[in-house]
Protein backbone atom coordinates (compact mmCIF):
# COMPACT_ATOMS: atom_id res chain seq x y z
CA MET A 1 60.36 -17.50 19.30
CA VAL A 2 59.80 -15.79 15.96
CA ARG A 3 58.24 -18.95 14.59
CA ARG A 4 55.97 -19.18 17.61
CA ARG A 5 54.85 -15.55 17.14
CA ILE A 6 54.16 -16.17 13.44
CA CYS A 7 52.08 -19.22 14.27
CA HIS A 8 50.21 -17.27 16.90
CA THR A 9 49.54 -14.46 14.39
CA LEU A 10 48.35 -16.92 11.75
CA GLY A 11 46.15 -18.60 14.32
CA CYS A 12 44.51 -15.29 15.20
CA LEU A 13 44.00 -14.53 11.51
CA VAL A 14 42.37 -17.91 10.88
CA SER A 15 40.15 -17.45 13.93
CA ALA A 16 39.10 -13.98 12.77
CA ILE A 17 38.26 -15.28 9.31
CA ALA A 18 36.28 -18.14 10.84
CA LEU A 19 34.35 -15.80 13.07
CA SER A 20 33.67 -13.44 10.17
CA THR A 21 32.48 -16.32 7.98
CA SER A 22 30.32 -17.63 10.79
CA ALA A 23 28.69 -14.21 11.28
CA ALA A 24 28.06 -13.88 7.57
CA VAL A 25 26.45 -17.32 7.40
CA ALA A 26 24.34 -16.59 10.48
CA GLN A 27 22.83 -13.39 9.03
CA GLU A 28 19.16 -13.83 8.14
CA VAL A 29 17.97 -12.23 4.91
CA MET A 30 14.32 -11.18 4.73
CA ARG A 31 13.15 -11.66 1.13
CA ILE A 32 10.64 -8.92 0.33
CA SER A 33 8.29 -9.46 -2.60
CA SER A 34 7.20 -6.42 -4.62
CA TRP A 35 4.87 -6.46 -7.60
CA LEU A 36 5.40 -2.98 -9.02
CA PRO A 37 8.59 -1.71 -10.69
CA PRO A 38 11.57 -0.15 -8.89
CA SER A 39 10.19 3.29 -9.76
CA HIS A 40 7.33 2.75 -7.31
CA VAL A 41 7.15 4.28 -3.83
CA ASN A 42 7.88 0.95 -2.14
CA THR A 43 11.45 1.11 -3.34
CA GLU A 44 11.73 3.99 -0.88
CA ILE A 45 9.71 2.33 1.88
CA PHE A 46 11.46 -1.05 1.86
CA PRO A 47 15.09 0.15 2.09
CA THR A 48 14.18 2.35 5.05
CA TRP A 49 12.45 -0.56 6.77
CA ILE A 50 15.48 -2.77 6.10
CA GLU A 51 17.73 -0.14 7.70
CA TRP A 52 15.52 -0.13 10.78
CA ILE A 53 15.67 -3.92 10.98
CA GLU A 54 19.46 -4.00 10.60
CA GLU A 55 19.80 -1.41 13.35
CA ALA A 56 17.35 -3.18 15.68
CA THR A 57 19.06 -6.56 15.23
CA GLU A 58 22.62 -5.17 15.19
CA GLY A 59 23.07 -6.47 11.64
CA ARG A 60 21.93 -10.03 12.29
CA VAL A 61 18.90 -9.57 10.03
CA THR A 62 18.82 -7.70 6.74
CA GLY A 63 16.55 -7.66 3.72
CA VAL A 64 16.43 -7.70 -0.06
CA VAL A 65 13.63 -6.65 -2.43
CA GLU A 66 12.72 -9.12 -5.19
CA PHE A 67 10.29 -8.57 -8.04
CA ASP A 68 7.75 -10.69 -9.93
CA LEU A 69 7.63 -13.55 -7.42
CA ALA A 70 3.84 -13.74 -7.73
CA SER A 71 0.91 -11.82 -9.18
CA PRO A 72 -0.48 -8.92 -7.13
CA PRO A 73 -3.57 -10.86 -5.91
CA ALA A 74 -1.38 -13.84 -4.94
CA GLN A 75 0.96 -11.90 -2.66
CA ILE A 76 -0.80 -12.82 0.57
CA ASP A 77 -0.73 -16.53 -0.31
CA LEU A 78 2.95 -16.21 -1.22
CA ILE A 79 3.68 -14.94 2.29
CA THR A 80 1.34 -17.40 4.02
CA ASP A 81 3.09 -20.31 2.29
CA GLY A 82 6.57 -18.99 3.04
CA GLY A 83 7.44 -18.34 -0.62
CA ALA A 84 8.76 -14.94 0.49
CA ASP A 85 9.27 -13.39 3.90
CA ALA A 86 7.45 -10.08 3.48
CA SER A 87 5.36 -8.20 0.95
CA TRP A 88 2.75 -5.51 0.51
CA ILE A 89 -0.81 -6.40 -0.38
CA PHE A 90 -3.65 -4.38 -1.87
CA HIS A 91 -6.79 -5.49 -0.10
CA GLY A 92 -9.03 -4.82 -3.09
CA TYR A 93 -7.31 -7.55 -5.10
CA ASN A 94 -8.89 -10.18 -2.84
CA PRO A 95 -12.65 -9.44 -3.01
CA GLY A 96 -14.73 -10.96 -0.26
CA ARG A 97 -11.77 -11.57 2.03
CA PHE A 98 -11.26 -8.01 3.28
CA VAL A 99 -14.34 -6.11 4.44
CA THR A 100 -13.12 -3.89 7.27
CA THR A 101 -10.37 -2.30 5.20
CA GLN A 102 -12.98 -0.59 3.01
CA LEU A 103 -13.66 1.95 5.77
CA ILE A 104 -10.42 3.82 5.03
CA GLU A 105 -11.11 3.64 1.30
CA LEU A 106 -14.26 5.78 1.47
CA PRO A 107 -14.06 9.00 -0.59
CA GLY A 108 -14.13 12.40 1.02
CA LEU A 109 -11.73 11.85 3.91
CA GLU A 110 -9.59 14.95 4.26
CA GLY A 111 -5.83 14.49 4.58
CA ASP A 112 -2.82 13.09 2.78
CA ALA A 113 -1.52 9.53 2.68
CA ALA A 114 0.44 9.98 5.91
CA ALA A 115 -2.70 10.98 7.80
CA SER A 116 -4.78 8.14 6.39
CA SER A 117 -2.03 5.54 6.91
CA VAL A 118 -1.70 6.40 10.60
CA ALA A 119 -5.49 6.47 10.94
CA HIS A 120 -5.74 3.08 9.25
CA GLN A 121 -3.11 1.61 11.57
CA ARG A 122 -4.84 2.92 14.70
CA ALA A 123 -8.23 1.68 13.52
CA TYR A 124 -6.71 -1.73 12.78
CA GLU A 125 -5.08 -2.00 16.20
CA ALA A 126 -8.18 -0.82 18.05
CA TYR A 127 -10.99 -2.49 16.08
CA LEU A 128 -10.35 -3.99 12.65
CA HIS A 129 -7.95 -6.76 13.75
CA GLU A 130 -10.90 -8.41 15.52
CA ALA A 131 -12.22 -9.60 12.14
CA GLY A 132 -9.18 -11.86 11.64
CA GLU A 133 -8.98 -11.01 7.95
CA HIS A 134 -5.18 -11.32 7.82
CA GLU A 135 -5.03 -14.84 9.18
CA GLY A 136 -1.86 -16.62 8.07
CA VAL A 137 0.36 -13.52 8.00
CA VAL A 138 1.59 -10.97 10.51
CA VAL A 139 0.52 -7.40 9.78
CA ALA A 140 3.58 -5.16 10.04
CA ALA A 141 1.64 -1.99 9.21
CA MET A 142 -1.43 -0.74 7.42
CA MET A 143 -1.07 2.04 4.87
CA THR A 144 -2.93 3.85 2.12
CA HIS A 145 -2.14 5.89 -0.93
CA GLY A 146 -3.51 9.39 -1.28
CA PRO A 147 -6.90 10.29 -2.78
CA GLY A 148 -7.43 8.43 -6.04
CA GLN A 149 -8.44 10.52 -9.04
CA LEU A 150 -9.67 9.75 -12.54
CA PHE A 151 -7.45 9.72 -15.63
CA LEU A 152 -9.11 9.40 -19.04
CA ARG A 153 -8.15 8.95 -22.68
CA HIS A 154 -10.82 11.43 -23.82
CA GLU A 155 -12.62 14.46 -22.42
CA VAL A 156 -16.10 13.89 -20.93
CA ASP A 157 -18.91 16.15 -19.75
CA GLY A 158 -18.75 15.92 -15.95
CA LEU A 159 -20.13 13.00 -13.95
CA ALA A 160 -22.87 12.36 -16.52
CA GLY A 161 -20.21 11.80 -19.17
CA LEU A 162 -18.72 8.95 -17.16
CA SER A 163 -21.69 6.68 -17.80
CA GLY A 164 -20.61 3.73 -19.90
CA GLN A 165 -16.90 4.57 -19.68
CA LYS A 166 -14.68 1.50 -19.25
CA ILE A 167 -12.62 2.33 -16.20
CA ARG A 168 -9.88 0.22 -14.67
CA ILE A 169 -10.57 -0.42 -11.01
CA GLY A 170 -8.51 -2.21 -8.41
CA GLY A 171 -11.41 -3.46 -6.31
CA GLY A 172 -12.77 -2.51 -2.92
CA VAL A 173 -14.54 0.84 -2.69
CA SER A 174 -13.31 1.92 -6.14
CA ALA A 175 -15.51 -0.83 -7.61
CA ARG A 176 -18.51 0.47 -5.67
CA VAL A 177 -17.86 4.01 -6.90
CA ALA A 178 -17.55 2.88 -10.52
CA ASP A 179 -20.81 0.98 -10.27
CA ALA A 180 -22.62 3.93 -8.67
CA LEU A 181 -21.45 6.22 -11.49
CA ASP A 182 -22.65 3.70 -14.12
CA MET A 183 -19.11 3.10 -15.34
CA VAL A 184 -18.02 -0.28 -16.66
CA GLY A 185 -15.43 -1.62 -14.25
CA VAL A 186 -12.37 -3.26 -15.77
CA ALA A 187 -10.61 -5.27 -13.07
CA LEU A 188 -6.86 -5.30 -13.70
CA PRO A 189 -3.78 -5.30 -11.47
CA ALA A 190 -1.73 -2.11 -11.58
CA PRO A 191 1.15 -3.45 -13.74
CA GLU A 192 -1.30 -4.04 -16.63
CA VAL A 193 -2.96 -0.63 -16.61
CA TYR A 194 -0.66 1.23 -19.02
CA GLU A 195 -1.19 -1.30 -21.79
CA ALA A 196 -4.93 -1.58 -21.16
CA VAL A 197 -5.52 2.18 -21.36
CA GLY A 198 -3.07 2.66 -24.19
CA SER A 199 -4.74 -0.02 -26.31
CA GLY A 200 -8.28 1.17 -25.55
CA VAL A 201 -9.26 -1.91 -23.55
CA ALA A 202 -10.02 0.67 -20.86
CA ASP A 203 -11.08 4.29 -21.37
CA GLY A 204 -9.34 5.36 -18.22
CA VAL A 205 -8.31 4.49 -14.70
CA MET A 206 -8.91 5.51 -11.10
CA MET A 207 -5.55 5.73 -9.35
CA PRO A 208 -3.58 8.03 -7.05
CA ILE A 209 -1.55 10.87 -8.51
CA ASP A 210 1.79 9.32 -7.58
CA THR A 211 1.04 6.12 -9.51
CA ASN A 212 0.10 8.09 -12.60
CA MET A 213 3.65 9.42 -12.50
CA THR A 214 5.47 6.16 -11.70
CA LEU A 215 3.54 4.18 -14.34
CA ARG A 216 3.69 7.07 -16.87
CA LEU A 217 -0.09 6.95 -17.33
CA TYR A 218 -0.08 10.56 -18.51
CA GLU A 219 1.24 9.18 -21.82
CA VAL A 220 -1.98 7.22 -22.47
CA ALA A 221 -4.53 9.14 -20.36
CA PRO A 222 -4.08 12.86 -21.09
CA HIS A 223 -7.17 14.07 -19.17
CA THR A 224 -7.18 14.32 -15.37
CA TYR A 225 -10.47 14.69 -13.47
CA SER A 226 -10.08 15.65 -9.81
CA MET A 227 -12.76 15.27 -7.15
CA PRO A 228 -12.14 16.97 -3.77
CA GLY A 229 -11.24 14.20 -1.32
CA GLY A 230 -10.75 11.80 -4.21
CA PHE A 231 -12.91 9.05 -5.69
CA TYR A 232 -11.46 6.53 -3.23
CA ARG A 233 -8.31 5.58 -1.31
CA GLY A 234 -6.44 2.31 -1.65
CA SER A 235 -5.96 0.15 1.44
CA PHE A 236 -2.71 -1.82 1.77
CA ALA A 237 -0.87 -3.84 4.39
CA LEU A 238 2.81 -4.60 4.82
CA VAL A 239 2.88 -8.21 5.94
CA LEU A 240 5.42 -10.66 7.37
CA SER A 241 5.63 -14.44 7.10
CA GLU A 242 5.29 -16.51 10.26
CA HIS A 243 7.85 -18.90 8.72
CA PHE A 244 10.36 -16.07 8.58
CA LEU A 245 9.72 -14.92 12.14
CA ASP A 246 10.01 -18.53 13.38
CA ARG A 247 13.50 -18.74 11.86
CA LEU A 248 14.68 -15.91 14.07
CA SER A 249 15.91 -16.09 17.63
CA PRO A 250 13.44 -14.77 20.22
CA GLU A 251 15.64 -11.68 20.55
CA ASP A 252 15.69 -10.96 16.81
CA ARG A 253 11.99 -11.72 16.39
CA GLU A 254 11.21 -9.11 19.02
CA ALA A 255 13.65 -6.68 17.42
CA VAL A 256 12.09 -7.08 13.96
CA LEU A 257 8.59 -6.64 15.35
CA SER A 258 9.74 -3.48 17.15
CA THR A 259 10.11 -1.85 13.70
CA THR A 260 6.44 -2.43 12.85
CA GLY A 261 3.23 -0.67 13.85
CA GLU A 262 2.41 3.03 13.71
CA ARG A 263 6.00 4.13 13.13
CA LEU A 264 6.16 2.01 9.97
CA ALA A 265 2.69 3.11 8.87
CA LEU A 266 3.69 6.77 9.22
CA MET A 267 6.96 6.31 7.33
CA ALA A 268 5.14 4.56 4.49
CA GLY A 269 2.36 7.13 4.39
CA GLU A 270 4.83 10.00 4.31
CA ALA A 271 6.59 8.38 1.34
CA TRP A 272 3.27 8.12 -0.53
CA ALA A 273 2.44 11.74 0.35
CA ARG A 274 5.78 13.08 -0.91
CA LEU A 275 5.33 11.32 -4.23
CA ASP A 276 1.77 12.64 -4.50
CA ILE A 277 3.17 16.18 -4.41
CA GLU A 278 5.71 15.35 -7.11
CA GLY A 279 3.12 13.44 -9.12
CA ALA A 280 0.67 16.35 -9.00
CA GLU A 281 3.27 18.59 -10.62
CA VAL A 282 3.95 16.04 -13.36
CA VAL A 283 0.26 15.45 -14.07
CA ALA A 284 -0.47 19.19 -14.14
CA GLU A 285 2.31 19.67 -16.70
CA ARG A 286 1.50 16.71 -18.93
CA THR A 287 -2.29 16.35 -18.86
CA THR A 288 -5.31 18.61 -19.19
CA MET A 289 -6.75 19.23 -15.72
CA HIS A 290 -10.54 19.16 -15.20
CA SER A 291 -12.66 19.88 -12.14
CA PHE A 292 -16.28 19.04 -11.38
CA SER A 293 -19.09 21.54 -11.01
CA ASP A 294 -20.68 22.25 -7.62
CA GLY A 295 -23.69 20.25 -8.75
CA ASP A 296 -21.54 17.24 -9.65
CA GLN A 297 -19.72 17.48 -6.33
CA SER A 298 -23.03 17.52 -4.45
CA ARG A 299 -24.28 14.55 -6.43
CA PHE A 300 -21.08 12.65 -5.73
CA ALA A 301 -21.37 13.43 -1.99
CA GLU A 302 -24.83 11.81 -2.00
CA ILE A 303 -23.41 8.75 -3.76
CA VAL A 304 -20.64 8.53 -1.17
CA ASP A 305 -23.18 8.66 1.66
CA GLY A 306 -24.91 5.63 0.21
CA ILE A 307 -21.66 3.71 -0.25
CA ALA A 308 -20.51 4.59 3.27
CA ALA A 309 -23.77 3.26 4.70
CA GLN A 310 -23.30 -0.03 2.83
CA VAL A 311 -19.67 -0.42 3.92
CA THR A 312 -20.44 0.43 7.55
CA GLU A 313 -23.28 -2.07 7.59
CA ASN A 314 -21.07 -4.81 6.13
CA VAL A 315 -18.30 -4.18 8.67
CA ALA A 316 -20.76 -4.17 11.58
CA ALA A 317 -22.23 -7.45 10.31
CA ILE A 318 -18.96 -9.29 11.03
CA GLY A 319 -18.82 -8.05 14.60
CA VAL A 320 -16.59 -4.98 14.29
CA ASP A 321 -17.68 -1.62 15.70
CA ALA A 322 -17.66 0.21 12.38
CA GLU A 323 -18.97 3.50 13.73
CA ALA A 324 -16.25 3.66 16.39
CA ALA A 325 -13.59 2.73 13.85
CA MET A 326 -14.74 5.48 11.47
CA GLU A 327 -14.80 8.02 14.29
CA LEU A 328 -11.22 7.07 15.19
CA ILE A 329 -10.18 7.40 11.53
CA ARG A 330 -11.73 10.86 11.19
CA GLN A 331 -10.34 12.04 14.51
CA THR A 332 -6.82 10.80 13.74
CA MET A 333 -6.79 12.39 10.30
CA ALA A 334 -8.05 15.68 11.68
CA GLU A 335 -5.33 15.69 14.34
CA HIS A 336 -2.66 14.81 11.81
CA ASP A 337 -3.78 17.59 9.47
CA ARG A 338 -3.36 20.34 12.08
């Protein structure tokens, strides 16, 4: 009898171990590619998203963040080809492919990154998706950073002093702004900016306040020039691989997709906004702050009007209602800012 009970106990133990091993083997791991260091805001966004996914799938799907799997411009191809399961892409790194996303990048929009991220997501769902610019990947959420400002190695005399300055740009509307201000655009991905500015390859950079802090740009660009509403905003998307989603059961696929959309856009935007506040304090302490005269601000507003007209025309030319999309963006940001 004792021997029988021992055998029964051992049998239960073996079965429990087998079940545990089976569950562990069955767990799907979403490999997330990131192309900026662990100090960047996405190391806050991704863990939160992973928690949501684990909760939605009751632990059957989790995630891990991996770095340096591909260059920043190659991230979308990495996901399309199944080289990773998810990533974040900056639309400006793929010139010519993304036209509609430049609407949210226009300078002068009032509101923080949370407001613009939600506005971008709503505009995408209502209008921008019709362009099919993200073919090959599944858009989990659109997002933006806060207003991008200008950080320089040397002091200049207002907007006129920017003429001829070699400024790192990421692409998209920031390239249009640099051209309109007669600056020499230096196209570089974000991870290379510190070295480029520090060595003098670039005289400065247009970037959001939070990134100045996370990349320690204040060490090489000690002059900050702020324009109300910013010089531009950066448009991003969190994207998923179809290969990854196809690996999941129908139940888990639906559960993972339930974590995407406006909720994810808001969470990401709020993370950017919080770091902007922290970054503003760091930049104010470690750089010399400069503002633009009323005349310069008026001149810049005229430049923005011209750029906005060009962007709107380009978006309308591919069959998207650009005016309606911009109205939705402005309305959403105004509501969020109340």
